[in-house]
Amino acid sequence: MLTEYKLSEAILVYSAFNGYYGNSMYLQRHKVMEQDGRSMLLEGVPYTLEDLTALCRQLLPGLVSDSLRFIDAGVLASSGSAMGPDVWWVPGSVKHIFFEKLDAKSGNAPWPSLVFVTHGGHLKVHAVKGTKRPGLKTRLYVAPFPNMHGSDVCLGNSSLPERSFDYGGWEKAFFESSFSEVQEENRVKTGSLTEFWDGLVKSGASRFPDSQLVPSRSCRTVSDLLSDLRRRVTNGY
């Protein structure tokens, strides 16, 4: 059964260029009246923040949240939107790592400290040195793992969280995934990626060798990363 929609309201957008301060916008809402088969705008009223929030809640229910959430100490930046972007940090520690179809032994190994980025249902991961919470000037490095191209992670058929700020869900999807394909070899400074991890698992080491990390080829620092995310949000991608 088809739903019939009727024009009931219009939102008019007024814009002005204010020189040094850039562009400004003003929104006004108008009820619509049908007369002699024609639509007529009635007197307008200012479109408020509450109006905009209500509209977003109706059209994009995942975009606006009514609940307060605890902010973990590892969170570096959050849009508050279910679509993201969100940026958080997980300090390095010894965890189990799974390999499949690769010449590397699965087992416990030290993982580097990682910066996770979620946006629009996609996951990116960067590495950082040390175990202190990153700042804006903290240098980013290539995450030394298979199943990755640049900072993009391929999670295959893994069940992914619906919300960008489900940090535990995204971490679980990444840490418990099976690494099965080396898409780029030059993700560590010396040797192949499989040889590196095979040796690290067999060594029984308790700390990740940060000296093997390769500088990021996309964003040099956390500040660069946040600037890139702001640009993507502004441009709608």
Protein backbone atom coordinates (compact mmCIF):
# COMPACT_ATOMS: atom_id res chain seq x y z
CA MET A 1 0.00 0.00 0.00
CA LEU A 2 1.39 3.38 -1.02
CA THR A 3 1.51 6.18 1.53
CA GLU A 4 0.20 9.51 0.31
CA TYR A 5 2.21 12.51 1.46
CA LYS A 6 0.81 16.03 1.46
CA LEU A 7 2.73 19.28 1.68
CA SER A 8 2.12 20.66 5.17
CA GLU A 9 5.13 22.80 6.02
CA ALA A 10 8.09 24.50 4.37
CA ILE A 11 11.47 25.53 5.73
CA LEU A 12 13.06 28.56 4.08
CA VAL A 13 16.80 29.12 4.41
CA TYR A 14 18.16 32.68 4.33
CA SER A 15 21.91 33.18 4.02
CA ALA A 16 24.20 36.18 4.20
CA PHE A 17 27.90 36.79 3.81
CA ASN A 18 29.26 38.68 6.79
CA GLY A 19 32.75 39.49 5.58
CA TYR A 20 35.39 38.43 8.10
CA TYR A 21 32.92 36.20 9.97
CA GLY A 22 31.98 34.21 6.87
CA ASN A 23 28.51 32.95 5.96
CA SER A 24 25.57 32.99 8.36
CA MET A 25 22.19 31.32 7.99
CA TYR A 26 18.68 31.90 9.30
CA LEU A 27 15.88 29.35 9.02
CA GLN A 28 12.16 30.06 9.06
CA ARG A 29 9.26 27.62 9.03
CA HIS A 30 5.95 28.24 7.28
CA LYS A 31 2.70 26.33 7.46
CA VAL A 32 1.26 25.56 4.02
CA MET A 33 -2.37 26.12 3.07
CA GLU A 34 -4.09 24.73 -0.02
CA GLN A 35 -6.32 27.22 -1.84
CA ASP A 36 -7.89 26.68 -5.26
CA GLY A 37 -5.50 23.81 -5.90
CA ARG A 38 -2.43 25.90 -5.12
CA SER A 39 -0.09 25.79 -2.14
CA MET A 40 0.33 29.03 -0.21
CA LEU A 41 2.89 29.81 2.48
CA LEU A 42 1.46 31.24 5.68
CA GLU A 43 3.30 33.63 7.98
CA GLY A 44 6.65 32.25 9.05
CA VAL A 45 8.23 31.79 12.46
CA PRO A 46 11.93 31.31 13.37
CA TYR A 47 13.17 27.72 13.13
CA THR A 48 14.61 26.90 16.56
CA LEU A 49 17.27 24.46 17.71
CA GLU A 50 14.50 22.39 19.28
CA ASP A 51 12.74 22.27 15.90
CA LEU A 52 15.92 21.12 14.16
CA THR A 53 16.59 18.48 16.82
CA ALA A 54 13.04 17.14 16.49
CA LEU A 55 13.39 16.97 12.70
CA CYS A 56 16.69 15.11 12.91
CA ARG A 57 15.25 12.73 15.49
CA GLN A 58 12.40 11.88 13.13
CA LEU A 59 14.36 11.63 9.87
CA LEU A 60 17.66 10.31 11.26
CA PRO A 61 16.81 8.57 14.55
CA GLY A 62 20.39 7.38 15.05
CA LEU A 63 21.81 10.88 14.77
CA VAL A 64 20.38 12.40 17.95
CA SER A 65 20.61 10.66 21.32
CA ASP A 66 18.54 11.50 24.40
CA SER A 67 20.76 9.59 26.79
CA LEU A 68 23.85 10.68 28.67
CA ARG A 69 26.81 8.40 28.19
CA PHE A 70 29.88 7.86 30.34
CA ILE A 71 32.99 9.08 28.52
CA ASP A 72 35.86 6.65 28.91
CA ALA A 73 39.30 8.11 29.61
CA GLY A 74 40.55 6.67 26.33
CA VAL A 75 38.15 8.74 24.21
CA LEU A 76 40.07 11.39 22.23
CA ALA A 77 37.16 12.91 20.27
CA SER A 78 33.47 12.17 19.77
CA SER A 79 30.77 13.72 17.64
CA GLY A 80 28.02 12.25 19.82
CA SER A 81 26.36 10.93 16.66
CA ALA A 82 25.59 7.27 16.06
CA MET A 83 27.31 7.67 12.68
CA GLY A 84 30.44 9.22 14.18
CA PRO A 85 33.15 10.15 13.82
CA ASP A 86 34.59 8.85 17.08
CA VAL A 87 38.27 8.58 17.99
CA TRP A 88 39.65 6.66 20.95
CA TRP A 89 42.84 5.08 22.20
CA VAL A 90 43.64 1.64 23.59
CA PRO A 91 47.00 1.24 25.39
CA GLY A 92 49.26 -1.57 24.29
CA SER A 93 49.09 -4.89 26.14
CA VAL A 94 49.52 -8.62 25.64
CA LYS A 95 46.54 -10.14 23.84
CA HIS A 96 45.82 -13.25 21.82
CA ILE A 97 46.24 -12.76 18.08
CA PHE A 98 44.60 -15.06 15.53
CA PHE A 99 46.07 -15.93 12.13
CA GLU A 100 44.35 -17.90 9.39
CA LYS A 101 45.80 -18.94 6.01
CA LEU A 102 49.07 -17.18 6.92
CA ASP A 103 52.45 -18.65 7.84
CA ALA A 104 52.34 -17.21 11.36
CA LYS A 105 51.62 -18.84 14.70
CA SER A 106 48.52 -17.72 16.61
CA GLY A 107 49.04 -17.04 20.30
CA ASN A 108 49.63 -14.37 22.91
CA ALA A 109 51.71 -11.40 21.81
CA PRO A 110 52.21 -7.76 22.76
CA TRP A 111 50.06 -5.36 20.73
CA PRO A 112 51.06 -1.73 20.23
CA SER A 113 48.94 1.14 21.55
CA LEU A 114 46.24 1.86 18.99
CA VAL A 115 44.02 4.77 17.95
CA PHE A 116 40.62 3.65 16.64
CA VAL A 117 38.50 5.80 14.32
CA THR A 118 34.88 4.96 13.47
CA HIS A 119 32.80 6.92 10.97
CA GLY A 120 29.81 5.91 8.89
CA GLY A 121 30.08 2.23 9.80
CA HIS A 122 33.77 1.95 8.87
CA LEU A 123 36.83 1.36 11.04
CA LYS A 124 40.30 2.84 10.73
CA VAL A 125 43.21 2.04 13.04
CA HIS A 126 46.53 3.82 13.67
CA ALA A 127 49.37 2.91 16.03
CA VAL A 128 51.14 5.17 18.54
CA LYS A 129 54.30 4.65 20.56
CA GLY A 130 54.31 4.21 24.33
CA THR A 131 51.40 3.65 26.68
CA LYS A 132 50.51 7.25 27.61
CA ARG A 133 47.26 8.84 26.45
CA PRO A 134 47.95 10.58 23.09
CA GLY A 135 47.81 14.35 22.72
CA LEU A 136 47.28 16.51 19.66
CA LYS A 137 50.98 16.41 18.76
CA THR A 138 51.34 12.65 19.22
CA ARG A 139 52.85 11.01 16.14
CA LEU A 140 50.77 8.40 14.33
CA TYR A 141 52.17 5.19 12.86
CA VAL A 142 50.95 2.47 10.53
CA ALA A 143 49.04 -0.23 12.43
CA PRO A 144 51.24 -3.33 11.85
CA PHE A 145 48.54 -5.85 10.98
CA PRO A 146 47.29 -7.90 8.03
CA ASN A 147 43.74 -7.30 6.70
CA MET A 148 44.54 -3.61 6.34
CA HIS A 149 45.15 -1.14 3.53
CA GLY A 150 46.53 2.13 4.83
CA SER A 151 44.53 2.76 7.99
CA ASP A 152 41.41 1.01 6.65
CA VAL A 153 40.48 -2.29 8.28
CA CYS A 154 38.80 -5.15 6.43
CA LEU A 155 36.65 -7.00 8.97
CA GLY A 156 35.13 -9.39 6.45
CA ASN A 157 31.89 -10.94 7.67
CA SER A 158 32.38 -9.84 11.29
CA SER A 159 29.31 -8.57 13.11
CA LEU A 160 29.80 -4.81 13.43
CA PRO A 161 28.25 -2.43 15.99
CA GLU A 162 25.40 -0.21 14.82
CA ARG A 163 26.73 2.85 16.65
CA SER A 164 30.03 4.59 16.11
CA PHE A 165 30.49 5.11 19.86
CA ASP A 166 30.14 1.41 20.75
CA TYR A 167 33.85 1.34 21.54
CA GLY A 168 33.84 -2.12 23.13
CA GLY A 169 32.00 -3.60 20.17
CA TRP A 170 34.46 -2.21 17.63
CA GLU A 171 37.45 -3.33 19.72
CA LYS A 172 35.99 -6.83 20.00
CA ALA A 173 35.48 -6.99 16.23
CA PHE A 174 39.11 -6.00 15.64
CA PHE A 175 40.95 -7.83 18.42
CA GLU A 176 39.04 -11.09 17.93
CA SER A 177 39.19 -11.12 14.13
CA SER A 178 41.30 -13.64 12.24
CA PHE A 179 44.08 -12.02 10.24
CA SER A 180 44.14 -13.87 6.94
CA GLU A 181 45.49 -11.62 4.18
CA VAL A 182 48.57 -9.41 3.88
CA GLN A 183 47.54 -6.51 1.66
CA GLU A 184 50.69 -4.43 2.30
CA GLU A 185 54.07 -5.81 3.33
CA ASN A 186 55.74 -2.56 4.35
CA ARG A 187 53.79 -2.20 7.60
CA VAL A 188 56.85 -2.90 9.77
CA LYS A 189 60.39 -1.63 9.33
CA THR A 190 62.18 -4.96 8.92
CA GLY A 191 61.13 -8.31 7.48
CA SER A 192 57.74 -9.47 6.30
CA LEU A 193 54.60 -8.92 8.34
CA THR A 194 54.00 -12.65 8.87
CA GLU A 195 57.62 -13.25 9.91
CA PHE A 196 57.40 -10.33 12.31
CA TRP A 197 54.28 -11.59 14.09
CA ASP A 198 55.36 -15.23 14.04
CA GLY A 199 58.60 -14.24 15.76
CA LEU A 200 56.81 -11.97 18.23
CA VAL A 201 54.39 -14.73 19.30
CA LYS A 202 57.18 -17.28 19.68
CA SER A 203 59.43 -14.85 21.59
CA GLY A 204 57.10 -14.55 24.57
CA ALA A 205 57.83 -10.80 24.70
CA SER A 206 55.71 -8.64 27.00
CA ARG A 207 56.19 -5.28 25.24
CA PHE A 208 55.67 -4.40 21.61
CA PRO A 209 58.88 -3.26 19.82
CA ASP A 210 57.84 0.32 18.98
CA SER A 211 61.06 0.74 16.98
CA GLN A 212 59.45 -1.42 14.26
CA LEU A 213 56.55 1.01 13.70
CA VAL A 214 56.42 2.82 10.34
CA PRO A 215 55.32 6.52 10.30
CA SER A 216 51.78 7.05 9.01
CA ARG A 217 51.54 7.95 5.35
CA SER A 218 48.20 9.77 5.68
CA CYS A 219 47.96 11.75 8.93
CA ARG A 220 51.20 12.61 10.72
CA THR A 221 49.69 13.47 14.10
CA VAL A 222 46.45 13.19 16.08
CA SER A 223 45.82 16.85 15.25
CA ASP A 224 46.10 16.06 11.52
CA LEU A 225 43.69 13.15 11.98
CA LEU A 226 41.05 15.33 13.66
CA SER A 227 41.44 18.02 10.99
CA ASP A 228 40.91 15.41 8.28
CA LEU A 229 37.78 14.12 10.01
CA ARG A 230 36.36 17.64 10.35
CA ARG A 231 36.94 18.17 6.64
CA ARG A 232 35.20 14.90 5.77
CA VAL A 233 32.19 15.76 7.93
CA THR A 234 31.96 19.25 6.42
CA ASN A 235 32.14 17.86 2.87
CA GLY A 236 29.68 15.08 3.60
CA TYR A 237 31.90 12.04 3.10
